[in-house]
Amino acid sequence: MTTLAPEAASYLHDLDRALVGPRRVKAGLIREADDHLTDASEAYADAGYDSDDAVARALDDFGPVDEIAAAFQTTLAVAASRRTACILLGALALQPFLWDGGLDLTEGHQTAAASDPAFTVLNASIEVLGGLVMAGAVLAILGTGIGNRWLRAGRRIARVTAFFTLATCVLLPSMAVSMMVISGTSDLLVAWLLLSAGLLAPLLLAARSARICLRAC
């Protein structure tokens, strides 16, 4: 940040504390406020005002912390929801490799399908759910980017993305673990390790990002 008068530095400190969201985006917003206050203070100083009065007038023009924080917070909420959707999409992109033709965590699926109809239902359901979640994540990314410029969904799309992600982080692992157990995979330890690394860990990151997103809303 630029070196400013104590009043301006205190204003920026209060603004920083009032904001919740991705650190990089928040830092960019604080820099934007810093630059604006610096330019406005210098403009008033060039117009003949003393330094204290110039800063005071710049702060008055910029607006109270609570009003500016409310406007900036919407930007942070949208950024947090976009980040959450990207993490969720990345987590889902790994799943075909885990289940079909790659590591195949349900290697005994043919036997399981023949002996337990629940596996067949879970297998079909998880494919449908996975497809819907990937489509939802893509829509959230588009909605928080180009779409947000048109629809101005702001915090609403952030809340929807966060709850959608949290629901996915509960449903998908539950179904995946059930499938793996029912299938009778021969090496459960390896399968659990692969499942944890390929599904549970990425979804934990998505859930954490969703919680930050809700706080930002």
C-alpha atoms as a PDB file:
ATOM      1  CA  MET A   1       0.000   0.000   0.000  1.00  0.00           C
ATOM      2  CA  THR A   2       0.939   3.598  -0.518  1.00  0.00           C
ATOM      3  CA  THR A   3       1.970   5.571   2.587  1.00  0.00           C
ATOM      4  CA  LEU A   4      -1.127   7.523   3.630  1.00  0.00           C
ATOM      5  CA  ALA A   5      -2.186   9.730   6.503  1.00  0.00           C
ATOM      6  CA  PRO A   6      -3.230   7.875   9.693  1.00  0.00           C
ATOM      7  CA  GLU A   7      -6.906   8.521   8.970  1.00  0.00           C
ATOM      8  CA  ALA A   8      -6.682   6.893   5.549  1.00  0.00           C
ATOM      9  CA  ALA A   9      -4.561   4.003   6.848  1.00  0.00           C
ATOM     10  CA  SER A  10      -7.122   3.391   9.600  1.00  0.00           C
ATOM     11  CA  TYR A  11      -9.935   3.492   7.032  1.00  0.00           C
ATOM     12  CA  LEU A  12      -8.208   0.869   4.874  1.00  0.00           C
ATOM     13  CA  HIS A  13      -7.512  -1.289   7.936  1.00  0.00           C
ATOM     14  CA  ASP A  14     -11.190  -1.195   8.928  1.00  0.00           C
ATOM     15  CA  LEU A  15     -12.225  -1.964   5.360  1.00  0.00           C
ATOM     16  CA  ASP A  16      -9.852  -4.923   5.198  1.00  0.00           C
ATOM     17  CA  ARG A  17     -11.248  -6.337   8.455  1.00  0.00           C
ATOM     18  CA  ALA A  18     -14.826  -5.929   7.239  1.00  0.00           C
ATOM     19  CA  LEU A  19     -14.267  -8.015   4.106  1.00  0.00           C
ATOM     20  CA  VAL A  20     -14.410 -11.817   3.859  1.00  0.00           C
ATOM     21  CA  GLY A  21     -13.345 -13.816   0.824  1.00  0.00           C
ATOM     22  CA  PRO A  22     -10.422 -14.979  -1.314  1.00  0.00           C
ATOM     23  CA  ARG A  23      -7.244 -13.264  -0.126  1.00  0.00           C
ATOM     24  CA  ARG A  24      -5.961 -12.322  -3.555  1.00  0.00           C
ATOM     25  CA  VAL A  25      -9.229 -10.707  -4.605  1.00  0.00           C
ATOM     26  CA  LYS A  26      -9.564  -8.911  -1.265  1.00  0.00           C
ATOM     27  CA  ALA A  27      -5.996  -7.608  -1.513  1.00  0.00           C
ATOM     28  CA  GLY A  28      -6.781  -6.296  -4.986  1.00  0.00           C
ATOM     29  CA  LEU A  29      -9.856  -4.457  -3.713  1.00  0.00           C
ATOM     30  CA  ILE A  30      -7.894  -2.891  -0.856  1.00  0.00           C
ATOM     31  CA  ARG A  31      -5.217  -1.756  -3.318  1.00  0.00           C
ATOM     32  CA  GLU A  32      -7.953  -0.273  -5.482  1.00  0.00           C
ATOM     33  CA  ALA A  33      -9.295   1.686  -2.503  1.00  0.00           C
ATOM     34  CA  ASP A  34      -5.763   2.740  -1.565  1.00  0.00           C
ATOM     35  CA  ASP A  35      -5.060   4.035  -5.069  1.00  0.00           C
ATOM     36  CA  HIS A  36      -8.353   5.914  -5.175  1.00  0.00           C
ATOM     37  CA  LEU A  37      -7.746   7.604  -1.822  1.00  0.00           C
ATOM     38  CA  THR A  38      -4.188   8.490  -2.791  1.00  0.00           C
ATOM     39  CA  ASP A  39      -5.243  10.024  -6.103  1.00  0.00           C
ATOM     40  CA  ALA A  40      -8.126  11.925  -4.516  1.00  0.00           C
ATOM     41  CA  SER A  41      -5.954  13.219  -1.660  1.00  0.00           C
ATOM     42  CA  GLU A  42      -3.291  14.392  -4.092  1.00  0.00           C
ATOM     43  CA  ALA A  43      -5.918  16.089  -6.251  1.00  0.00           C
ATOM     44  CA  TYR A  44      -7.266  18.017  -3.254  1.00  0.00           C
ATOM     45  CA  ALA A  45      -3.734  18.891  -2.154  1.00  0.00           C
ATOM     46  CA  ASP A  46      -2.946  20.215  -5.641  1.00  0.00           C
ATOM     47  CA  ALA A  47      -6.122  22.304  -5.418  1.00  0.00           C
ATOM     48  CA  GLY A  48      -4.726  24.076  -2.357  1.00  0.00           C
ATOM     49  CA  TYR A  49      -6.080  22.120   0.609  1.00  0.00           C
ATOM     50  CA  ASP A  50      -3.710  21.210   3.436  1.00  0.00           C
ATOM     51  CA  SER A  51      -2.811  17.518   3.749  1.00  0.00           C
ATOM     52  CA  ASP A  52      -5.235  16.680   6.586  1.00  0.00           C
ATOM     53  CA  ASP A  53      -8.148  18.395   4.904  1.00  0.00           C
ATOM     54  CA  ALA A  54      -7.278  16.793   1.579  1.00  0.00           C
ATOM     55  CA  VAL A  55      -7.369  13.299   3.118  1.00  0.00           C
ATOM     56  CA  ALA A  56     -10.602  14.046   4.993  1.00  0.00           C
ATOM     57  CA  ARG A  57     -12.292  15.206   1.802  1.00  0.00           C
ATOM     58  CA  ALA A  58     -11.024  12.140  -0.085  1.00  0.00           C
ATOM     59  CA  LEU A  59     -12.461   9.855   2.596  1.00  0.00           C
ATOM     60  CA  ASP A  60     -15.801  11.670   2.534  1.00  0.00           C
ATOM     61  CA  ASP A  61     -15.986  11.328  -1.233  1.00  0.00           C
ATOM     62  CA  PHE A  62     -15.123   7.619  -1.113  1.00  0.00           C
ATOM     63  CA  GLY A  63     -17.875   6.824   1.387  1.00  0.00           C
ATOM     64  CA  PRO A  64     -18.308   5.131   4.795  1.00  0.00           C
ATOM     65  CA  VAL A  65     -16.589   1.804   5.426  1.00  0.00           C
ATOM     66  CA  ASP A  66     -19.865  -0.111   5.782  1.00  0.00           C
ATOM     67  CA  GLU A  67     -21.188   1.091   2.419  1.00  0.00           C
ATOM     68  CA  ILE A  68     -17.959   0.392   0.551  1.00  0.00           C
ATOM     69  CA  ALA A  69     -17.562  -2.979   2.299  1.00  0.00           C
ATOM     70  CA  ALA A  70     -21.063  -4.000   1.209  1.00  0.00           C
ATOM     71  CA  ALA A  71     -20.250  -3.253  -2.427  1.00  0.00           C
ATOM     72  CA  PHE A  72     -16.850  -4.941  -2.277  1.00  0.00           C
ATOM     73  CA  GLN A  73     -18.292  -7.952  -0.449  1.00  0.00           C
ATOM     74  CA  THR A  74     -20.501  -8.810  -3.394  1.00  0.00           C
ATOM     75  CA  THR A  75     -17.417  -8.945  -5.602  1.00  0.00           C
ATOM     76  CA  LEU A  76     -15.719 -11.217  -3.066  1.00  0.00           C
ATOM     77  CA  ALA A  77     -18.756 -13.494  -2.798  1.00  0.00           C
ATOM     78  CA  VAL A  78     -18.874 -13.964  -6.562  1.00  0.00           C
ATOM     79  CA  ALA A  79     -15.117 -14.632  -6.672  1.00  0.00           C
ATOM     80  CA  ALA A  80     -15.434 -17.174  -3.848  1.00  0.00           C
ATOM     81  CA  SER A  81     -18.272 -18.977  -5.604  1.00  0.00           C
ATOM     82  CA  ARG A  82     -16.325 -19.124  -8.861  1.00  0.00           C
ATOM     83  CA  ARG A  83     -13.339 -20.588  -7.033  1.00  0.00           C
ATOM     84  CA  THR A  84     -15.594 -23.136  -5.325  1.00  0.00           C
ATOM     85  CA  ALA A  85     -17.143 -24.188  -8.635  1.00  0.00           C
ATOM     86  CA  CYS A  86     -13.691 -24.609 -10.213  1.00  0.00           C
ATOM     87  CA  ILE A  87     -12.503 -26.813  -7.334  1.00  0.00           C
ATOM     88  CA  LEU A  88     -15.673 -28.898  -7.552  1.00  0.00           C
ATOM     89  CA  LEU A  89     -15.308 -29.337 -11.302  1.00  0.00           C
ATOM     90  CA  GLY A  90     -11.683 -30.376 -10.858  1.00  0.00           C
ATOM     91  CA  ALA A  91     -12.660 -32.951  -8.238  1.00  0.00           C
ATOM     92  CA  LEU A  92     -15.315 -34.433 -10.515  1.00  0.00           C
ATOM     93  CA  ALA A  93     -12.958 -34.568 -13.487  1.00  0.00           C
ATOM     94  CA  LEU A  94     -10.928 -37.263 -11.680  1.00  0.00           C
ATOM     95  CA  GLN A  95     -13.828 -39.629 -11.163  1.00  0.00           C
ATOM     96  CA  PRO A  96     -13.943 -41.467 -14.525  1.00  0.00           C
ATOM     97  CA  PHE A  97     -10.325 -42.498 -13.957  1.00  0.00           C
ATOM     98  CA  LEU A  98     -11.117 -43.823 -10.483  1.00  0.00           C
ATOM     99  CA  TRP A  99     -14.093 -45.914 -11.476  1.00  0.00           C
ATOM    100  CA  ASP A 100     -14.056 -46.835 -15.172  1.00  0.00           C
ATOM    101  CA  GLY A 101     -11.162 -48.188 -17.158  1.00  0.00           C
ATOM    102  CA  GLY A 102      -8.531 -46.612 -14.923  1.00  0.00           C
ATOM    103  CA  LEU A 103      -8.001 -47.637 -11.314  1.00  0.00           C
ATOM    104  CA  ASP A 104     -11.475 -49.235 -11.246  1.00  0.00           C
ATOM    105  CA  LEU A 105     -12.104 -49.109  -7.503  1.00  0.00           C
ATOM    106  CA  THR A 106     -15.123 -51.377  -7.912  1.00  0.00           C
ATOM    107  CA  GLU A 107     -13.270 -54.145  -9.680  1.00  0.00           C
ATOM    108  CA  GLY A 108     -15.803 -56.684  -8.520  1.00  0.00           C
ATOM    109  CA  HIS A 109     -18.709 -54.738  -9.940  1.00  0.00           C
ATOM    110  CA  GLN A 110     -19.980 -57.511 -12.197  1.00  0.00           C
ATOM    111  CA  THR A 111     -20.325 -59.926  -9.295  1.00  0.00           C
ATOM    112  CA  ALA A 112     -21.793 -57.222  -7.089  1.00  0.00           C
ATOM    113  CA  ALA A 113     -24.306 -56.216  -9.718  1.00  0.00           C
ATOM    114  CA  ALA A 114     -25.489 -59.786 -10.096  1.00  0.00           C
ATOM    115  CA  SER A 115     -25.811 -60.399  -6.342  1.00  0.00           C
ATOM    116  CA  ASP A 116     -26.974 -57.013  -5.036  1.00  0.00           C
ATOM    117  CA  PRO A 117     -29.450 -54.790  -6.897  1.00  0.00           C
ATOM    118  CA  ALA A 118     -28.402 -51.909  -4.631  1.00  0.00           C
ATOM    119  CA  PHE A 119     -25.106 -51.730  -6.483  1.00  0.00           C
ATOM    120  CA  THR A 120     -26.878 -51.384  -9.813  1.00  0.00           C
ATOM    121  CA  VAL A 121     -28.979 -48.540  -8.460  1.00  0.00           C
ATOM    122  CA  LEU A 122     -25.946 -46.810  -6.924  1.00  0.00           C
ATOM    123  CA  ASN A 123     -23.882 -47.267 -10.075  1.00  0.00           C
ATOM    124  CA  ALA A 124     -26.562 -45.668 -12.237  1.00  0.00           C
ATOM    125  CA  SER A 125     -27.291 -42.951  -9.676  1.00  0.00           C
ATOM    126  CA  ILE A 126     -23.686 -41.897  -9.205  1.00  0.00           C
ATOM    127  CA  GLU A 127     -23.213 -41.539 -12.942  1.00  0.00           C
ATOM    128  CA  VAL A 128     -26.296 -39.332 -13.183  1.00  0.00           C
ATOM    129  CA  LEU A 129     -25.272 -37.336 -10.114  1.00  0.00           C
ATOM    130  CA  GLY A 130     -21.732 -36.902 -11.393  1.00  0.00           C
ATOM    131  CA  GLY A 131     -23.000 -35.610 -14.716  1.00  0.00           C
ATOM    132  CA  LEU A 132     -25.420 -33.204 -13.049  1.00  0.00           C
ATOM    133  CA  VAL A 133     -22.754 -31.904 -10.673  1.00  0.00           C
ATOM    134  CA  MET A 134     -20.283 -31.315 -13.496  1.00  0.00           C
ATOM    135  CA  ALA A 135     -22.961 -29.485 -15.472  1.00  0.00           C
ATOM    136  CA  GLY A 136     -23.866 -27.470 -12.384  1.00  0.00           C
ATOM    137  CA  ALA A 137     -20.238 -26.563 -11.752  1.00  0.00           C
ATOM    138  CA  VAL A 138     -19.811 -25.397 -15.345  1.00  0.00           C
ATOM    139  CA  LEU A 139     -22.992 -23.312 -15.100  1.00  0.00           C
ATOM    140  CA  ALA A 140     -21.738 -21.781 -11.842  1.00  0.00           C
ATOM    141  CA  ILE A 141     -18.432 -20.852 -13.471  1.00  0.00           C
ATOM    142  CA  LEU A 142     -20.252 -19.266 -16.383  1.00  0.00           C
ATOM    143  CA  GLY A 143     -22.771 -17.626 -14.070  1.00  0.00           C
ATOM    144  CA  THR A 144     -20.068 -16.026 -11.944  1.00  0.00           C
ATOM    145  CA  GLY A 145     -18.226 -14.821 -15.012  1.00  0.00           C
ATOM    146  CA  ILE A 146     -19.957 -13.617 -18.136  1.00  0.00           C
ATOM    147  CA  GLY A 147     -23.404 -14.465 -16.784  1.00  0.00           C
ATOM    148  CA  ASN A 148     -23.001 -12.279 -13.725  1.00  0.00           C
ATOM    149  CA  ARG A 149     -22.435  -9.257 -15.936  1.00  0.00           C
ATOM    150  CA  TRP A 150     -25.834  -9.822 -17.519  1.00  0.00           C
ATOM    151  CA  LEU A 151     -27.906 -11.170 -14.631  1.00  0.00           C
ATOM    152  CA  ARG A 152     -26.242  -9.377 -11.705  1.00  0.00           C
ATOM    153  CA  ALA A 153     -26.948 -12.421  -9.533  1.00  0.00           C
ATOM    154  CA  GLY A 154     -24.187 -11.428  -7.106  1.00  0.00           C
ATOM    155  CA  ARG A 155     -24.524 -13.056  -3.700  1.00  0.00           C
ATOM    156  CA  ARG A 156     -27.490 -15.182  -4.760  1.00  0.00           C
ATOM    157  CA  ILE A 157     -25.403 -17.221  -7.177  1.00  0.00           C
ATOM    158  CA  ALA A 158     -22.687 -17.465  -4.532  1.00  0.00           C
ATOM    159  CA  ARG A 159     -25.113 -18.957  -1.999  1.00  0.00           C
ATOM    160  CA  VAL A 160     -26.552 -21.393  -4.550  1.00  0.00           C
ATOM    161  CA  THR A 161     -23.055 -22.517  -5.556  1.00  0.00           C
ATOM    162  CA  ALA A 162     -22.013 -23.001  -1.928  1.00  0.00           C
ATOM    163  CA  PHE A 163     -25.062 -25.082  -0.945  1.00  0.00           C
ATOM    164  CA  PHE A 164     -24.864 -27.076  -4.175  1.00  0.00           C
ATOM    165  CA  THR A 165     -21.209 -27.878  -3.453  1.00  0.00           C
ATOM    166  CA  LEU A 166     -21.844 -28.850   0.173  1.00  0.00           C
ATOM    167  CA  ALA A 167     -24.679 -31.171  -0.858  1.00  0.00           C
ATOM    168  CA  THR A 168     -22.403 -32.788  -3.440  1.00  0.00           C
ATOM    169  CA  CYS A 169     -19.649 -33.222  -0.853  1.00  0.00           C
ATOM    170  CA  VAL A 170     -22.063 -35.264   1.282  1.00  0.00           C
ATOM    171  CA  LEU A 171     -23.936 -37.268  -1.344  1.00  0.00           C
ATOM    172  CA  LEU A 172     -21.145 -38.237  -3.711  1.00  0.00           C
ATOM    173  CA  PRO A 173     -18.717 -39.713  -1.140  1.00  0.00           C
ATOM    174  CA  SER A 174     -21.577 -41.588   0.560  1.00  0.00           C
ATOM    175  CA  MET A 175     -22.566 -43.205  -2.698  1.00  0.00           C
ATOM    176  CA  ALA A 176     -18.964 -43.899  -3.717  1.00  0.00           C
ATOM    177  CA  VAL A 177     -18.094 -45.579  -0.412  1.00  0.00           C
ATOM    178  CA  SER A 178     -21.255 -47.683  -0.567  1.00  0.00           C
ATOM    179  CA  MET A 179     -20.425 -48.822  -4.096  1.00  0.00           C
ATOM    180  CA  MET A 180     -16.897 -49.756  -3.146  1.00  0.00           C
ATOM    181  CA  VAL A 181     -18.007 -51.758  -0.112  1.00  0.00           C
ATOM    182  CA  ILE A 182     -20.780 -53.587  -1.962  1.00  0.00           C
ATOM    183  CA  SER A 183     -18.512 -54.423  -4.894  1.00  0.00           C
ATOM    184  CA  GLY A 184     -16.232 -56.532  -2.700  1.00  0.00           C
ATOM    185  CA  THR A 185     -13.008 -54.927  -3.913  1.00  0.00           C
ATOM    186  CA  SER A 186     -10.156 -57.322  -3.130  1.00  0.00           C
ATOM    187  CA  ASP A 187      -7.652 -54.838  -1.668  1.00  0.00           C
ATOM    188  CA  LEU A 188      -9.705 -52.514   0.529  1.00  0.00           C
ATOM    189  CA  LEU A 189      -6.703 -50.672   1.989  1.00  0.00           C
ATOM    190  CA  VAL A 190      -5.401 -49.594  -1.406  1.00  0.00           C
ATOM    191  CA  ALA A 191      -8.913 -48.785  -2.574  1.00  0.00           C
ATOM    192  CA  TRP A 192      -9.541 -46.595   0.486  1.00  0.00           C
ATOM    193  CA  LEU A 193      -6.266 -44.766  -0.023  1.00  0.00           C
ATOM    194  CA  LEU A 194      -7.056 -44.131  -3.682  1.00  0.00           C
ATOM    195  CA  LEU A 195     -10.598 -43.062  -2.857  1.00  0.00           C
ATOM    196  CA  SER A 196      -9.335 -40.683  -0.180  1.00  0.00           C
ATOM    197  CA  ALA A 197      -6.752 -39.123  -2.478  1.00  0.00           C
ATOM    198  CA  GLY A 198      -8.908 -39.019  -5.603  1.00  0.00           C
ATOM    199  CA  LEU A 199     -12.313 -38.119  -4.213  1.00  0.00           C
ATOM    200  CA  LEU A 200     -12.503 -37.356  -0.498  1.00  0.00           C
ATOM    201  CA  ALA A 201      -9.541 -34.950  -0.322  1.00  0.00           C
ATOM    202  CA  PRO A 202     -10.608 -32.885  -3.380  1.00  0.00           C
ATOM    203  CA  LEU A 203     -14.171 -32.704  -2.076  1.00  0.00           C
ATOM    204  CA  LEU A 204     -12.927 -31.604   1.347  1.00  0.00           C
ATOM    205  CA  LEU A 205     -11.178 -28.717  -0.419  1.00  0.00           C
ATOM    206  CA  ALA A 206     -14.404 -27.943  -2.261  1.00  0.00           C
ATOM    207  CA  ALA A 207     -16.380 -28.044   1.009  1.00  0.00           C
ATOM    208  CA  ARG A 208     -13.891 -25.710   2.697  1.00  0.00           C
ATOM    209  CA  SER A 209     -14.140 -23.306  -0.227  1.00  0.00           C
ATOM    210  CA  ALA A 210     -17.948 -23.493  -0.034  1.00  0.00           C
ATOM    211  CA  ARG A 211     -17.863 -22.550   3.654  1.00  0.00           C
ATOM    212  CA  ILE A 212     -15.692 -19.524   2.846  1.00  0.00           C
ATOM    213  CA  CYS A 213     -18.163 -18.694   0.078  1.00  0.00           C
ATOM    214  CA  LEU A 214     -21.062 -18.721   2.561  1.00  0.00           C
ATOM    215  CA  ARG A 215     -19.134 -16.473   4.928  1.00  0.00           C
ATOM    216  CA  ALA A 216     -18.513 -14.112   2.028  1.00  0.00           C
ATOM    217  CA  CYS A 217     -22.235 -13.926   1.334  1.00  0.00           C
END
